[in-house]
C-alpha atoms as a PDB file:
ATOM      1  CA  MET A   1      55.452 257.949 -27.146  1.00  0.00           C
ATOM      2  CA  SER A   2      51.734 257.291 -27.276  1.00  0.00           C
ATOM      3  CA  ASP A   3      50.417 253.930 -26.112  1.00  0.00           C
ATOM      4  CA  VAL A   4      48.269 253.848 -29.265  1.00  0.00           C
ATOM      5  CA  VAL A   5      50.220 252.214 -32.088  1.00  0.00           C
ATOM      6  CA  MET A   6      47.377 252.370 -34.626  1.00  0.00           C
ATOM      7  CA  LYS A   7      44.246 254.459 -35.013  1.00  0.00           C
ATOM      8  CA  ALA A   8      41.609 254.015 -37.706  1.00  0.00           C
ATOM      9  CA  SER A   9      38.983 256.746 -37.970  1.00  0.00           C
ATOM     10  CA  ASP A  10      35.639 256.310 -39.759  1.00  0.00           C
ATOM     11  CA  LEU A  11      37.097 253.944 -42.373  1.00  0.00           C
ATOM     12  CA  ARG A  12      34.951 253.262 -45.410  1.00  0.00           C
ATOM     13  CA  ARG A  13      35.852 251.147 -48.422  1.00  0.00           C
ATOM     14  CA  GLU A  14      33.551 251.029 -51.423  1.00  0.00           C
ATOM     15  CA  TYR A  15      34.110 249.539 -54.848  1.00  0.00           C
ATOM     16  CA  HIS A  16      32.084 248.550 -57.883  1.00  0.00           C
ATOM     17  CA  MET A  17      31.593 244.914 -58.806  1.00  0.00           C
ATOM     18  CA  GLY A  18      29.430 243.857 -61.738  1.00  0.00           C
ATOM     19  CA  GLY A  19      27.755 247.241 -61.869  1.00  0.00           C
ATOM     20  CA  GLU A  20      26.885 247.161 -58.170  1.00  0.00           C
ATOM     21  CA  LEU A  21      28.362 249.328 -55.428  1.00  0.00           C
ATOM     22  CA  VAL A  22      29.851 247.172 -52.669  1.00  0.00           C
ATOM     23  CA  ARG A  23      30.255 248.813 -49.270  1.00  0.00           C
ATOM     24  CA  ALA A  24      32.816 246.438 -47.777  1.00  0.00           C
ATOM     25  CA  VAL A  25      33.715 248.591 -44.753  1.00  0.00           C
ATOM     26  CA  ARG A  26      31.166 251.121 -43.560  1.00  0.00           C
ATOM     27  CA  GLY A  27      32.559 253.508 -40.985  1.00  0.00           C
ATOM     28  CA  VAL A  28      34.936 251.599 -38.700  1.00  0.00           C
ATOM     29  CA  THR A  29      36.781 253.455 -35.945  1.00  0.00           C
ATOM     30  CA  LEU A  30      39.369 251.455 -34.034  1.00  0.00           C
ATOM     31  CA  GLU A  31      42.349 252.067 -31.764  1.00  0.00           C
ATOM     32  CA  ILE A  32      45.026 249.445 -31.149  1.00  0.00           C
ATOM     33  CA  ALA A  33      47.210 249.837 -28.059  1.00  0.00           C
ATOM     34  CA  ARG A  34      50.904 249.042 -28.105  1.00  0.00           C
ATOM     35  CA  GLY A  35      51.444 245.422 -27.112  1.00  0.00           C
ATOM     36  CA  ASP A  36      47.802 244.427 -27.584  1.00  0.00           C
ATOM     37  CA  TYR A  37      46.567 241.247 -29.273  1.00  0.00           C
ATOM     38  CA  VAL A  38      43.322 241.817 -31.170  1.00  0.00           C
ATOM     39  CA  ALA A  39      41.218 239.282 -33.094  1.00  0.00           C
ATOM     40  CA  ILE A  40      38.760 240.508 -35.726  1.00  0.00           C
ATOM     41  CA  VAL A  41      35.991 237.958 -36.254  1.00  0.00           C
ATOM     42  CA  GLY A  42      32.737 237.681 -38.153  1.00  0.00           C
ATOM     43  CA  PRO A  43      31.011 235.768 -40.961  1.00  0.00           C
ATOM     44  CA  SER A  44      32.515 235.482 -44.432  1.00  0.00           C
ATOM     45  CA  GLY A  45      31.978 238.651 -46.429  1.00  0.00           C
ATOM     46  CA  CYS A  46      31.593 240.889 -43.379  1.00  0.00           C
ATOM     47  CA  GLY A  47      34.566 243.060 -44.355  1.00  0.00           C
ATOM     48  CA  LYS A  48      37.183 241.868 -41.873  1.00  0.00           C
ATOM     49  CA  SER A  49      39.910 241.043 -44.430  1.00  0.00           C
ATOM     50  CA  THR A  50      39.212 244.312 -46.249  1.00  0.00           C
ATOM     51  CA  LEU A  51      39.597 246.106 -42.926  1.00  0.00           C
ATOM     52  CA  LEU A  52      42.913 244.348 -42.257  1.00  0.00           C
ATOM     53  CA  ASN A  53      44.200 245.407 -45.691  1.00  0.00           C
ATOM     54  CA  LEU A  54      43.228 248.993 -44.917  1.00  0.00           C
ATOM     55  CA  LEU A  55      44.945 248.863 -41.527  1.00  0.00           C
ATOM     56  CA  GLY A  56      48.111 247.559 -43.152  1.00  0.00           C
ATOM     57  CA  GLY A  57      48.193 250.059 -45.981  1.00  0.00           C
ATOM     58  CA  ILE A  58      47.766 247.354 -48.629  1.00  0.00           C
ATOM     59  CA  ASP A  59      44.484 248.994 -49.666  1.00  0.00           C
ATOM     60  CA  ARG A  60      43.334 252.599 -49.369  1.00  0.00           C
ATOM     61  CA  PRO A  61      40.070 253.691 -47.785  1.00  0.00           C
ATOM     62  CA  THR A  62      37.430 255.468 -49.830  1.00  0.00           C
ATOM     63  CA  THR A  63      37.143 257.836 -46.871  1.00  0.00           C
ATOM     64  CA  GLY A  64      38.592 257.905 -43.380  1.00  0.00           C
ATOM     65  CA  SER A  65      42.146 257.666 -42.084  1.00  0.00           C
ATOM     66  CA  VAL A  66      44.684 255.179 -40.741  1.00  0.00           C
ATOM     67  CA  THR A  67      47.490 256.420 -38.499  1.00  0.00           C
ATOM     68  CA  ILE A  68      50.354 254.152 -37.421  1.00  0.00           C
ATOM     69  CA  GLU A  69      53.089 255.459 -35.146  1.00  0.00           C
ATOM     70  CA  GLY A  70      51.996 259.005 -35.953  1.00  0.00           C
ATOM     71  CA  SER A  71      52.054 258.532 -39.759  1.00  0.00           C
ATOM     72  CA  ARG A  72      48.913 258.851 -41.898  1.00  0.00           C
ATOM     73  CA  ILE A  73      49.551 255.810 -44.072  1.00  0.00           C
ATOM     74  CA  ASP A  74      46.415 256.393 -46.159  1.00  0.00           C
ATOM     75  CA  GLN A  75      48.023 259.607 -47.446  1.00  0.00           C
ATOM     76  CA  LEU A  76      51.344 258.055 -48.466  1.00  0.00           C
ATOM     77  CA  SER A  77      52.298 257.461 -52.077  1.00  0.00           C
ATOM     78  CA  ASP A  78      52.481 253.821 -53.163  1.00  0.00           C
ATOM     79  CA  ALA A  79      56.274 253.849 -52.901  1.00  0.00           C
ATOM     80  CA  ALA A  80      56.241 255.510 -49.478  1.00  0.00           C
ATOM     81  CA  ALA A  81      53.557 253.089 -48.239  1.00  0.00           C
ATOM     82  CA  THR A  82      55.692 250.153 -49.389  1.00  0.00           C
ATOM     83  CA  ARG A  83      58.697 251.515 -47.484  1.00  0.00           C
ATOM     84  CA  PHE A  84      56.582 252.135 -44.397  1.00  0.00           C
ATOM     85  CA  ARG A  85      55.225 248.580 -44.419  1.00  0.00           C
ATOM     86  CA  LEU A  86      58.712 247.177 -44.888  1.00  0.00           C
ATOM     87  CA  HIS A  87      59.958 248.754 -41.666  1.00  0.00           C
ATOM     88  CA  HIS A  88      56.870 248.920 -39.446  1.00  0.00           C
ATOM     89  CA  ILE A  89      54.417 246.113 -40.331  1.00  0.00           C
ATOM     90  CA  GLY A  90      54.785 242.350 -40.640  1.00  0.00           C
ATOM     91  CA  PHE A  91      52.201 240.358 -42.600  1.00  0.00           C
ATOM     92  CA  VAL A  92      51.181 236.706 -42.267  1.00  0.00           C
ATOM     93  CA  PHE A  93      48.689 235.186 -44.700  1.00  0.00           C
ATOM     94  CA  GLN A  94      46.646 232.006 -44.884  1.00  0.00           C
ATOM     95  CA  ARG A  95      48.564 230.644 -47.889  1.00  0.00           C
ATOM     96  CA  PHE A  96      52.099 231.438 -46.648  1.00  0.00           C
ATOM     97  CA  TYR A  97      53.316 233.070 -49.916  1.00  0.00           C
ATOM     98  CA  LEU A  98      56.867 231.794 -49.603  1.00  0.00           C
ATOM     99  CA  MET A  99      59.128 231.947 -52.658  1.00  0.00           C
ATOM    100  CA  PRO A 100      59.344 228.307 -53.808  1.00  0.00           C
ATOM    101  CA  ALA A 101      62.867 228.577 -55.259  1.00  0.00           C
ATOM    102  CA  LEU A 102      64.333 229.986 -52.022  1.00  0.00           C
ATOM    103  CA  THR A 103      65.326 228.157 -48.855  1.00  0.00           C
ATOM    104  CA  ALA A 104      63.722 228.893 -45.506  1.00  0.00           C
ATOM    105  CA  ILE A 105      66.468 231.267 -44.451  1.00  0.00           C
ATOM    106  CA  GLU A 106      66.520 232.970 -47.860  1.00  0.00           C
ATOM    107  CA  ASN A 107      62.768 233.610 -47.588  1.00  0.00           C
ATOM    108  CA  ILE A 108      63.308 235.179 -44.172  1.00  0.00           C
ATOM    109  CA  GLU A 109      66.142 237.311 -45.528  1.00  0.00           C
ATOM    110  CA  LEU A 110      64.009 238.821 -48.331  1.00  0.00           C
ATOM    111  CA  PRO A 111      62.508 241.774 -46.404  1.00  0.00           C
ATOM    112  CA  MET A 112      65.894 242.470 -44.851  1.00  0.00           C
ATOM    113  CA  ALA A 113      67.498 242.557 -48.291  1.00  0.00           C
ATOM    114  CA  GLU A 114      64.818 245.009 -49.421  1.00  0.00           C
ATOM    115  CA  ALA A 115      65.676 247.129 -46.371  1.00  0.00           C
ATOM    116  CA  LYS A 116      69.364 247.143 -47.478  1.00  0.00           C
ATOM    117  CA  ILE A 117      70.570 245.261 -44.407  1.00  0.00           C
ATOM    118  CA  PRO A 118      74.082 243.810 -44.953  1.00  0.00           C
ATOM    119  CA  ARG A 119      74.230 240.103 -45.751  1.00  0.00           C
ATOM    120  CA  ASP A 120      76.069 239.030 -42.601  1.00  0.00           C
ATOM    121  CA  LYS A 121      73.442 240.704 -40.437  1.00  0.00           C
ATOM    122  CA  ARG A 122      70.654 239.161 -42.544  1.00  0.00           C
ATOM    123  CA  VAL A 123      72.052 235.673 -42.083  1.00  0.00           C
ATOM    124  CA  ARG A 124      72.517 236.170 -38.339  1.00  0.00           C
ATOM    125  CA  ARG A 125      69.014 237.530 -37.907  1.00  0.00           C
ATOM    126  CA  GLY A 126      67.579 234.786 -40.131  1.00  0.00           C
ATOM    127  CA  ARG A 127      69.167 232.060 -38.027  1.00  0.00           C
ATOM    128  CA  GLU A 128      67.956 233.726 -34.821  1.00  0.00           C
ATOM    129  CA  LEU A 129      64.398 233.787 -36.187  1.00  0.00           C
ATOM    130  CA  LEU A 130      64.531 230.181 -37.379  1.00  0.00           C
ATOM    131  CA  ALA A 131      65.580 229.177 -33.875  1.00  0.00           C
ATOM    132  CA  TYR A 132      62.803 231.358 -32.433  1.00  0.00           C
ATOM    133  CA  VAL A 133      60.131 229.522 -34.451  1.00  0.00           C
ATOM    134  CA  GLY A 134      61.732 226.125 -33.804  1.00  0.00           C
ATOM    135  CA  LEU A 135      63.095 225.469 -37.288  1.00  0.00           C
ATOM    136  CA  GLU A 136      66.848 225.980 -36.947  1.00  0.00           C
ATOM    137  CA  ALA A 137      67.440 222.567 -38.566  1.00  0.00           C
ATOM    138  CA  ARG A 138      65.351 223.497 -41.621  1.00  0.00           C
ATOM    139  CA  TYR A 139      67.280 226.574 -42.748  1.00  0.00           C
ATOM    140  CA  GLY A 140      68.315 224.989 -46.075  1.00  0.00           C
ATOM    141  CA  HIS A 141      64.907 223.463 -46.903  1.00  0.00           C
ATOM    142  CA  ARG A 142      62.701 224.891 -49.645  1.00  0.00           C
ATOM    143  CA  PRO A 143      58.946 225.331 -49.066  1.00  0.00           C
ATOM    144  CA  ALA A 144      58.065 222.104 -50.915  1.00  0.00           C
ATOM    145  CA  GLN A 145      60.208 220.218 -48.383  1.00  0.00           C
ATOM    146  CA  LEU A 146      58.339 221.722 -45.419  1.00  0.00           C
ATOM    147  CA  SER A 147      54.974 220.854 -43.903  1.00  0.00           C
ATOM    148  CA  GLY A 148      52.191 223.433 -43.860  1.00  0.00           C
ATOM    149  CA  GLY A 149      52.916 224.256 -40.245  1.00  0.00           C
ATOM    150  CA  GLU A 150      56.616 224.644 -40.944  1.00  0.00           C
ATOM    151  CA  GLN A 151      55.889 226.927 -43.885  1.00  0.00           C
ATOM    152  CA  GLN A 152      53.704 229.111 -41.693  1.00  0.00           C
ATOM    153  CA  ARG A 153      56.460 229.268 -39.079  1.00  0.00           C
ATOM    154  CA  VAL A 154      58.863 230.472 -41.770  1.00  0.00           C
ATOM    155  CA  ALA A 155      56.243 233.022 -42.853  1.00  0.00           C
ATOM    156  CA  ILE A 156      55.976 234.314 -39.281  1.00  0.00           C
ATOM    157  CA  ALA A 157      59.766 234.513 -39.014  1.00  0.00           C
ATOM    158  CA  ARG A 158      59.861 236.451 -42.303  1.00  0.00           C
ATOM    159  CA  ALA A 159      57.182 238.825 -41.002  1.00  0.00           C
ATOM    160  CA  LEU A 160      59.341 239.533 -37.936  1.00  0.00           C
ATOM    161  CA  ALA A 161      62.575 240.003 -39.891  1.00  0.00           C
ATOM    162  CA  ASN A 162      62.690 243.808 -39.736  1.00  0.00           C
ATOM    163  CA  LYS A 163      61.431 243.956 -36.125  1.00  0.00           C
ATOM    164  CA  PRO A 164      58.028 245.501 -36.929  1.00  0.00           C
ATOM    165  CA  GLN A 165      55.949 247.149 -34.232  1.00  0.00           C
ATOM    166  CA  LEU A 166      52.831 245.556 -35.671  1.00  0.00           C
ATOM    167  CA  LEU A 167      52.023 242.063 -36.985  1.00  0.00           C
ATOM    168  CA  LEU A 168      48.886 241.640 -39.106  1.00  0.00           C
ATOM    169  CA  ALA A 169      47.699 238.092 -39.784  1.00  0.00           C
ATOM    170  CA  ASP A 170      44.865 237.015 -42.097  1.00  0.00           C
ATOM    171  CA  GLU A 171      43.526 233.538 -41.227  1.00  0.00           C
ATOM    172  CA  PRO A 172      46.985 232.246 -40.186  1.00  0.00           C
ATOM    173  CA  THR A 173      45.577 228.856 -39.093  1.00  0.00           C
ATOM    174  CA  GLY A 174      43.192 228.496 -42.044  1.00  0.00           C
ATOM    175  CA  GLU A 175      45.348 226.000 -43.985  1.00  0.00           C
ATOM    176  CA  LEU A 176      46.476 223.985 -40.954  1.00  0.00           C
ATOM    177  CA  ASP A 177      45.151 220.870 -39.209  1.00  0.00           C
ATOM    178  CA  ALA A 178      43.954 221.150 -35.616  1.00  0.00           C
ATOM    179  CA  LYS A 179      47.220 220.085 -33.945  1.00  0.00           C
ATOM    180  CA  THR A 180      49.374 222.326 -36.097  1.00  0.00           C
ATOM    181  CA  GLY A 181      46.875 225.148 -35.662  1.00  0.00           C
ATOM    182  CA  THR A 182      47.220 224.857 -31.895  1.00  0.00           C
ATOM    183  CA  GLU A 183      51.004 225.119 -32.244  1.00  0.00           C
ATOM    184  CA  MET A 184      50.572 228.230 -34.382  1.00  0.00           C
ATOM    185  CA  ILE A 185      48.262 229.804 -31.794  1.00  0.00           C
ATOM    186  CA  GLU A 186      50.919 229.198 -29.131  1.00  0.00           C
ATOM    187  CA  LEU A 187      53.627 230.715 -31.335  1.00  0.00           C
ATOM    188  CA  LEU A 188      51.591 233.865 -32.032  1.00  0.00           C
ATOM    189  CA  ALA A 189      50.878 234.227 -28.311  1.00  0.00           C
ATOM    190  CA  GLN A 190      54.632 234.031 -27.663  1.00  0.00           C
ATOM    191  CA  VAL A 191      55.321 236.677 -30.331  1.00  0.00           C
ATOM    192  CA  ASN A 192      52.842 238.944 -28.556  1.00  0.00           C
ATOM    193  CA  ARG A 193      54.328 238.262 -25.115  1.00  0.00           C
ATOM    194  CA  ASP A 194      57.701 239.233 -26.546  1.00  0.00           C
ATOM    195  CA  GLY A 195      56.351 242.682 -27.363  1.00  0.00           C
ATOM    196  CA  THR A 196      54.840 242.665 -30.852  1.00  0.00           C
ATOM    197  CA  THR A 197      51.355 244.119 -31.277  1.00  0.00           C
ATOM    198  CA  ILE A 198      49.144 241.661 -33.183  1.00  0.00           C
ATOM    199  CA  VAL A 199      45.909 242.077 -35.142  1.00  0.00           C
ATOM    200  CA  VAL A 200      44.546 238.832 -36.547  1.00  0.00           C
ATOM    201  CA  VAL A 201      41.521 238.114 -38.743  1.00  0.00           C
ATOM    202  CA  THR A 202      40.154 234.641 -38.093  1.00  0.00           C
ATOM    203  CA  HIS A 203      37.271 232.186 -38.137  1.00  0.00           C
ATOM    204  CA  ASP A 204      39.186 230.012 -35.662  1.00  0.00           C
ATOM    205  CA  GLU A 205      37.484 230.213 -32.267  1.00  0.00           C
ATOM    206  CA  ASP A 206      40.590 228.938 -30.483  1.00  0.00           C
ATOM    207  CA  LEU A 207      42.780 231.597 -32.100  1.00  0.00           C
ATOM    208  CA  ALA A 208      40.257 234.312 -31.241  1.00  0.00           C
ATOM    209  CA  GLY A 209      40.123 232.949 -27.703  1.00  0.00           C
ATOM    210  CA  ALA A 210      43.869 233.466 -27.331  1.00  0.00           C
ATOM    211  CA  ALA A 211      43.611 237.181 -28.137  1.00  0.00           C
ATOM    212  CA  HIS A 212      43.265 239.851 -25.462  1.00  0.00           C
ATOM    213  CA  ARG A 213      40.461 241.600 -27.289  1.00  0.00           C
ATOM    214  CA  VAL A 214      37.866 240.463 -29.843  1.00  0.00           C
ATOM    215  CA  VAL A 215      36.266 242.792 -32.401  1.00  0.00           C
ATOM    216  CA  HIS A 216      33.125 241.381 -34.011  1.00  0.00           C
ATOM    217  CA  MET A 217      32.168 242.615 -37.492  1.00  0.00           C
ATOM    218  CA  ARG A 218      28.992 242.207 -39.483  1.00  0.00           C
ATOM    219  CA  ASP A 219      28.031 243.837 -42.787  1.00  0.00           C
ATOM    220  CA  GLY A 220      31.074 246.111 -42.796  1.00  0.00           C
ATOM    221  CA  VAL A 221      30.662 247.550 -39.304  1.00  0.00           C
ATOM    222  CA  VAL A 222      31.897 246.710 -35.803  1.00  0.00           C
ATOM    223  CA  VAL A 223      29.001 245.320 -33.788  1.00  0.00           C
ATOM    224  CA  ASP A 224      30.916 244.357 -30.642  1.00  0.00           C
ATOM    225  CA  ASP A 225      34.361 245.134 -29.230  1.00  0.00           C
ATOM    226  CA  ARG A 226      35.302 243.611 -25.927  1.00  0.00           C
ATOM    227  CA  ARG A 227      38.389 242.791 -23.921  1.00  0.00           C
ATOM    228  CA  GLN A 228      38.820 239.172 -22.811  1.00  0.00           C
ATOM    229  CA  ARG A 229      41.724 239.689 -20.395  1.00  0.00           C
END
């Protein structure tokens, strides 16, 4: 199997807003190696979150291609793209997006239920993941009963539920205080050491500093791409 888990070729994303043509991503080519940890950084509005959505198949490029594990995800139907994401990509967002009526373990079980995994296996995997993120005692707590850092830990556990090859995170420390943010950086580093490829969009210099490689964007293009370790 190739050491390249993801390849983006000449990605462009344009859309109209208020009668104006916005060129959010303007010809980005990027390869992500299996097991790598990549931070995408740049000023607000530079296109980094749009790029992450394209890489994860949440959005489609105007032109260009995205290949993950040999599959052209930009060519998949909406239903096929949803299935692909369910099994191959985990997502972590700034605002957690946990279901408020569900407990921590029930939130983690959601993607497994969508993947038709039997309940006993879902519960076992959910408890393993809660222990992994240090929240085994919080399995019955709902999001409102958890701190921001605890909610983000549950969100990371949920993202890992179906054992994805790739974890995409958009500003995962953006809603957290400095101490909790540091804990989150350590947890993501552990997830990467345990074999998951990570691409993170961030303004957090400490989070970017923990990555193996930093891709700098400006005005929709990559202006620098360098390995830190």
